[in-house]
Amino acid sequence: MHLLQEDLARAHCRNKLDDAEQYRRFHLASQLVRAQKQAERATRKAERASAKARLTLARLV
């Protein structure tokens, strides 16, 4: 009976660890997606600013 309880406790702990690992991976993947979207927005903003600066410079010349 004692071994059965130990086996159940180990299985429970393994299940909790697996769940935590799955959550961690999902969280990291979500952070990566957010960072990629933020980088894309920053790139577009920089491109717009560059185009505006070129236009302004062309108007001055």
PDB file of N, CA and C in Angstrom:
ATOM      1  N   MET A   1       0.828  -1.192   0.000  1.00  0.00           N
ATOM      2  CA  MET A   1       0.000   0.000   0.000  1.00  0.00           C
ATOM      3  C   MET A   1       0.875   1.259   0.000  1.00  0.00           C
ATOM      4  N   HIS A   2       1.980   1.195   0.728  1.00  0.00           N
ATOM      5  CA  HIS A   2       2.866   2.350   0.820  1.00  0.00           C
ATOM      6  C   HIS A   2       3.457   2.688  -0.551  1.00  0.00           C
ATOM      7  N   LEU A   3       3.825   1.673  -1.316  1.00  0.00           N
ATOM      8  CA  LEU A   3       4.403   1.911  -2.641  1.00  0.00           C
ATOM      9  C   LEU A   3       3.382   2.541  -3.584  1.00  0.00           C
ATOM     10  N   LEU A   4       2.135   2.137  -3.439  1.00  0.00           N
ATOM     11  CA  LEU A   4       1.097   2.705  -4.284  1.00  0.00           C
ATOM     12  C   LEU A   4       0.946   4.209  -4.024  1.00  0.00           C
ATOM     13  N   GLN A   5       0.991   4.599  -2.761  1.00  0.00           N
ATOM     14  CA  GLN A   5       0.885   6.016  -2.422  1.00  0.00           C
ATOM     15  C   GLN A   5       2.083   6.801  -2.952  1.00  0.00           C
ATOM     16  N   GLU A   6       3.270   6.208  -2.872  1.00  0.00           N
ATOM     17  CA  GLU A   6       4.461   6.871  -3.408  1.00  0.00           C
ATOM     18  C   GLU A   6       4.360   7.023  -4.918  1.00  0.00           C
ATOM     19  N   ASP A   7       3.877   5.991  -5.581  1.00  0.00           N
ATOM     20  CA  ASP A   7       3.708   6.055  -7.028  1.00  0.00           C
ATOM     21  C   ASP A   7       2.700   7.139  -7.415  1.00  0.00           C
ATOM     22  N   LEU A   8       1.615   7.210  -6.675  1.00  0.00           N
ATOM     23  CA  LEU A   8       0.614   8.238  -6.947  1.00  0.00           C
ATOM     24  C   LEU A   8       1.185   9.636  -6.711  1.00  0.00           C
ATOM     25  N   ALA A   9       1.967   9.791  -5.645  1.00  0.00           N
ATOM     26  CA  ALA A   9       2.578  11.087  -5.344  1.00  0.00           C
ATOM     27  C   ALA A   9       3.557  11.470  -6.448  1.00  0.00           C
ATOM     28  N   ARG A  10       4.360  10.517  -6.904  1.00  0.00           N
ATOM     29  CA  ARG A  10       5.307  10.794  -7.994  1.00  0.00           C
ATOM     30  C   ARG A  10       4.567  11.169  -9.282  1.00  0.00           C
ATOM     31  N   ALA A  11       3.516  10.445  -9.575  1.00  0.00           N
ATOM     32  CA  ALA A  11       2.738  10.734 -10.780  1.00  0.00           C
ATOM     33  C   ALA A  11       2.123  12.135 -10.690  1.00  0.00           C
ATOM     34  N   HIS A  12       1.634  12.466  -9.509  1.00  0.00           N
ATOM     35  CA  HIS A  12       1.047  13.789  -9.321  1.00  0.00           C
ATOM     36  C   HIS A  12       2.108  14.883  -9.515  1.00  0.00           C
ATOM     37  N   CYS A  13       3.279  14.686  -8.924  1.00  0.00           N
ATOM     38  CA  CYS A  13       4.359  15.661  -9.063  1.00  0.00           C
ATOM     39  C   CYS A  13       4.804  15.778 -10.513  1.00  0.00           C
ATOM     40  N   ARG A  14       4.933  14.655 -11.199  1.00  0.00           N
ATOM     41  CA  ARG A  14       5.335  14.676 -12.606  1.00  0.00           C
ATOM     42  C   ARG A  14       4.298  15.429 -13.440  1.00  0.00           C
ATOM     43  N   ASN A  15       3.035  15.208 -13.143  1.00  0.00           N
ATOM     44  CA  ASN A  15       1.968  15.901 -13.864  1.00  0.00           C
ATOM     45  C   ASN A  15       2.052  17.416 -13.632  1.00  0.00           C
ATOM     46  N   LYS A  16       2.288  17.821 -12.396  1.00  0.00           N
ATOM     47  CA  LYS A  16       2.406  19.243 -12.081  1.00  0.00           C
ATOM     48  C   LYS A  16       3.624  19.851 -12.785  1.00  0.00           C
ATOM     49  N   LEU A  17       4.733  19.131 -12.799  1.00  0.00           N
ATOM     50  CA  LEU A  17       5.933  19.616 -13.471  1.00  0.00           C
ATOM     51  C   LEU A  17       5.714  19.725 -14.981  1.00  0.00           C
ATOM     52  N   ASP A  18       5.037  18.744 -15.560  1.00  0.00           N
ATOM     53  CA  ASP A  18       4.740  18.787 -16.992  1.00  0.00           C
ATOM     54  C   ASP A  18       3.836  19.978 -17.327  1.00  0.00           C
ATOM     55  N   ASP A  19       2.841  20.216 -16.489  1.00  0.00           N
ATOM     56  CA  ASP A  19       1.947  21.349 -16.696  1.00  0.00           C
ATOM     57  C   ASP A  19       2.714  22.674 -16.601  1.00  0.00           C
ATOM     58  N   ALA A  20       3.604  22.766 -15.613  1.00  0.00           N
ATOM     59  CA  ALA A  20       4.392  23.986 -15.441  1.00  0.00           C
ATOM     60  C   ALA A  20       5.307  24.210 -16.639  1.00  0.00           C
ATOM     61  N   GLU A  21       5.921  23.157 -17.146  1.00  0.00           N
ATOM     62  CA  GLU A  21       6.796  23.270 -18.308  1.00  0.00           C
ATOM     63  C   GLU A  21       6.009  23.694 -19.550  1.00  0.00           C
ATOM     64  N   GLN A  22       4.842  23.132 -19.727  1.00  0.00           N
ATOM     65  CA  GLN A  22       3.995  23.493 -20.866  1.00  0.00           C
ATOM     66  C   GLN A  22       3.581  24.967 -20.767  1.00  0.00           C
ATOM     67  N   TYR A  23       3.213  25.412 -19.587  1.00  0.00           N
ATOM     68  CA  TYR A  23       2.837  26.812 -19.384  1.00  0.00           C
ATOM     69  C   TYR A  23       4.024  27.730 -19.675  1.00  0.00           C
ATOM     70  N   ARG A  24       5.218  27.342 -19.190  1.00  0.00           N
ATOM     71  CA  ARG A  24       6.422  28.152 -19.411  1.00  0.00           C
ATOM     72  C   ARG A  24       6.707  28.295 -20.897  1.00  0.00           C
ATOM     73  N   ARG A  25       6.609  27.187 -21.635  1.00  0.00           N
ATOM     74  CA  ARG A  25       6.863  27.240 -23.080  1.00  0.00           C
ATOM     75  C   ARG A  25       5.828  28.109 -23.795  1.00  0.00           C
ATOM     76  N   PHE A  26       4.573  27.979 -23.408  1.00  0.00           N
ATOM     77  CA  PHE A  26       3.525  28.800 -24.007  1.00  0.00           C
ATOM     78  C   PHE A  26       3.775  30.277 -23.715  1.00  0.00           C
ATOM     79  N   HIS A  27       4.151  30.582 -22.478  1.00  0.00           N
ATOM     80  CA  HIS A  27       4.411  31.955 -22.079  1.00  0.00           C
ATOM     81  C   HIS A  27       5.582  32.532 -22.874  1.00  0.00           C
ATOM     82  N   LEU A  28       6.655  31.762 -23.021  1.00  0.00           N
ATOM     83  CA  LEU A  28       7.811  32.225 -23.792  1.00  0.00           C
ATOM     84  C   LEU A  28       7.446  32.443 -25.262  1.00  0.00           C
ATOM     85  N   ALA A  29       6.649  31.537 -25.814  1.00  0.00           N
ATOM     86  CA  ALA A  29       6.222  31.684 -27.210  1.00  0.00           C
ATOM     87  C   ALA A  29       5.373  32.942 -27.371  1.00  0.00           C
ATOM     88  N   SER A  30       4.511  33.208 -26.416  1.00  0.00           N
ATOM     89  CA  SER A  30       3.678  34.410 -26.468  1.00  0.00           C
ATOM     90  C   SER A  30       4.531  35.674 -26.381  1.00  0.00           C
ATOM     91  N   GLN A  31       5.543  35.646 -25.513  1.00  0.00           N
ATOM     92  CA  GLN A  31       6.442  36.792 -25.406  1.00  0.00           C
ATOM     93  C   GLN A  31       7.187  37.020 -26.715  1.00  0.00           C
ATOM     94  N   LEU A  32       7.611  35.946 -27.351  1.00  0.00           N
ATOM     95  CA  LEU A  32       8.327  36.054 -28.614  1.00  0.00           C
ATOM     96  C   LEU A  32       7.439  36.675 -29.693  1.00  0.00           C
ATOM     97  N   VAL A  33       6.196  36.242 -29.763  1.00  0.00           N
ATOM     98  CA  VAL A  33       5.268  36.798 -30.751  1.00  0.00           C
ATOM     99  C   VAL A  33       5.051  38.284 -30.493  1.00  0.00           C
ATOM    100  N   ARG A  34       4.868  38.661 -29.236  1.00  0.00           N
ATOM    101  CA  ARG A  34       4.688  40.081 -28.908  1.00  0.00           C
ATOM    102  C   ARG A  34       5.921  40.898 -29.279  1.00  0.00           C
ATOM    103  N   ALA A  35       7.101  40.372 -29.006  1.00  0.00           N
ATOM    104  CA  ALA A  35       8.332  41.087 -29.332  1.00  0.00           C
ATOM    105  C   ALA A  35       8.496  41.240 -30.839  1.00  0.00           C
ATOM    106  N   GLN A  36       8.131  40.210 -31.591  1.00  0.00           N
ATOM    107  CA  GLN A  36       8.224  40.299 -33.048  1.00  0.00           C
ATOM    108  C   GLN A  36       7.269  41.359 -33.587  1.00  0.00           C
ATOM    109  N   LYS A  37       6.049  41.387 -33.079  1.00  0.00           N
ATOM    110  CA  LYS A  37       5.085  42.396 -33.518  1.00  0.00           C
ATOM    111  C   LYS A  37       5.565  43.799 -33.166  1.00  0.00           C
ATOM    112  N   GLN A  38       6.139  43.951 -31.984  1.00  0.00           N
ATOM    113  CA  GLN A  38       6.650  45.251 -31.565  1.00  0.00           C
ATOM    114  C   GLN A  38       7.805  45.680 -32.474  1.00  0.00           C
ATOM    115  N   ALA A  39       8.670  44.754 -32.820  1.00  0.00           N
ATOM    116  CA  ALA A  39       9.788  45.068 -33.715  1.00  0.00           C
ATOM    117  C   ALA A  39       9.278  45.461 -35.097  1.00  0.00           C
ATOM    118  N   GLU A  40       8.265  44.772 -35.581  1.00  0.00           N
ATOM    119  CA  GLU A  40       7.691  45.121 -36.889  1.00  0.00           C
ATOM    120  C   GLU A  40       7.090  46.522 -36.865  1.00  0.00           C
ATOM    121  N   ARG A  41       6.386  46.851 -35.780  1.00  0.00           N
ATOM    122  CA  ARG A  41       5.818  48.202 -35.667  1.00  0.00           C
ATOM    123  C   ARG A  41       6.916  49.260 -35.627  1.00  0.00           C
ATOM    124  N   ALA A  42       7.988  48.978 -34.889  1.00  0.00           N
ATOM    125  CA  ALA A  42       9.096  49.933 -34.799  1.00  0.00           C
ATOM    126  C   ALA A  42       9.766  50.103 -36.158  1.00  0.00           C
ATOM    127  N   THR A  43       9.888  49.013 -36.910  1.00  0.00           N
ATOM    128  CA  THR A  43      10.486  49.098 -38.245  1.00  0.00           C
ATOM    129  C   THR A  43       9.631  49.960 -39.162  1.00  0.00           C
ATOM    130  N   ARG A  44       8.324  49.727 -39.147  1.00  0.00           N
ATOM    131  CA  ARG A  44       7.429  50.539 -39.986  1.00  0.00           C
ATOM    132  C   ARG A  44       7.483  52.016 -39.588  1.00  0.00           C
ATOM    133  N   LYS A  45       7.528  52.272 -38.297  1.00  0.00           N
ATOM    134  CA  LYS A  45       7.598  53.659 -37.824  1.00  0.00           C
ATOM    135  C   LYS A  45       8.898  54.309 -38.288  1.00  0.00           C
ATOM    136  N   ALA A  46       9.999  53.591 -38.204  1.00  0.00           N
ATOM    137  CA  ALA A  46      11.288  54.128 -38.648  1.00  0.00           C
ATOM    138  C   ALA A  46      11.282  54.367 -40.155  1.00  0.00           C
ATOM    139  N   GLU A  47      10.647  53.476 -40.905  1.00  0.00           N
ATOM    140  CA  GLU A  47      10.561  53.659 -42.355  1.00  0.00           C
ATOM    141  C   GLU A  47       9.742  54.905 -42.705  1.00  0.00           C
ATOM    142  N   ARG A  48       8.644  55.109 -41.979  1.00  0.00           N
ATOM    143  CA  ARG A  48       7.831  56.305 -42.217  1.00  0.00           C
ATOM    144  C   ARG A  48       8.615  57.571 -41.889  1.00  0.00           C
ATOM    145  N   ALA A  49       9.355  57.540 -40.784  1.00  0.00           N
ATOM    146  CA  ALA A  49      10.145  58.712 -40.394  1.00  0.00           C
ATOM    147  C   ALA A  49      11.240  58.976 -41.424  1.00  0.00           C
ATOM    148  N   SER A  50      11.843  57.931 -41.929  1.00  0.00           N
ATOM    149  CA  SER A  50      12.887  58.088 -42.948  1.00  0.00           C
ATOM    150  C   SER A  50      12.310  58.684 -44.228  1.00  0.00           C
ATOM    151  N   ALA A  51      11.149  58.187 -44.640  1.00  0.00           N
ATOM    152  CA  ALA A  51      10.505  58.717 -45.850  1.00  0.00           C
ATOM    153  C   ALA A  51      10.130  60.183 -45.659  1.00  0.00           C
ATOM    154  N   LYS A  52       9.646  60.520 -44.484  1.00  0.00           N
ATOM    155  CA  LYS A  52       9.285  61.909 -44.203  1.00  0.00           C
ATOM    156  C   LYS A  52      10.520  62.800 -44.231  1.00  0.00           C
ATOM    157  N   ALA A  53      11.614  62.319 -43.679  1.00  0.00           N
ATOM    158  CA  ALA A  53      12.850  63.103 -43.675  1.00  0.00           C
ATOM    159  C   ALA A  53      13.375  63.295 -45.097  1.00  0.00           C
ATOM    160  N   ARG A  54      13.312  62.252 -45.928  1.00  0.00           N
ATOM    161  CA  ARG A  54      13.751  62.375 -47.315  1.00  0.00           C
ATOM    162  C   ARG A  54      12.886  63.379 -48.079  1.00  0.00           C
ATOM    163  N   LEU A  55      11.594  63.327 -47.844  1.00  0.00           N
ATOM    164  CA  LEU A  55      10.686  64.267 -48.506  1.00  0.00           C
ATOM    165  C   LEU A  55      10.974  65.700 -48.075  1.00  0.00           C
ATOM    166  N   THR A  56      11.181  65.897 -46.799  1.00  0.00           N
ATOM    167  CA  THR A  56      11.490  67.225 -46.289  1.00  0.00           C
ATOM    168  C   THR A  56      12.803  67.731 -46.875  1.00  0.00           C
ATOM    169  N   LEU A  57      13.787  66.871 -46.927  1.00  0.00           N
ATOM    170  CA  LEU A  57      15.080  67.244 -47.496  1.00  0.00           C
ATOM    171  C   LEU A  57      14.936  67.565 -48.992  1.00  0.00           C
ATOM    172  N   ALA A  58      14.158  66.799 -49.697  1.00  0.00           N
ATOM    173  CA  ALA A  58      13.953  67.047 -51.127  1.00  0.00           C
ATOM    174  C   ALA A  58      13.256  68.383 -51.350  1.00  0.00           C
ATOM    175  N   ARG A  59      12.353  68.744 -50.470  1.00  0.00           N
ATOM    176  CA  ARG A  59      11.652  70.023 -50.600  1.00  0.00           C
ATOM    177  C   ARG A  59      12.583  71.201 -50.347  1.00  0.00           C
ATOM    178  N   LEU A  60      13.567  70.994 -49.465  1.00  0.00           N
ATOM    179  CA  LEU A  60      14.500  72.067 -49.145  1.00  0.00           C
ATOM    180  C   LEU A  60      15.533  72.289 -50.231  1.00  0.00           C
ATOM    181  N   VAL A  61      15.814  71.242 -50.975  1.00  0.00           N
ATOM    182  CA  VAL A  61      16.870  71.345 -51.986  1.00  0.00           C
ATOM    183  C   VAL A  61      16.352  71.849 -53.274  1.00  0.00           C
TER     184      VAL A  61
END
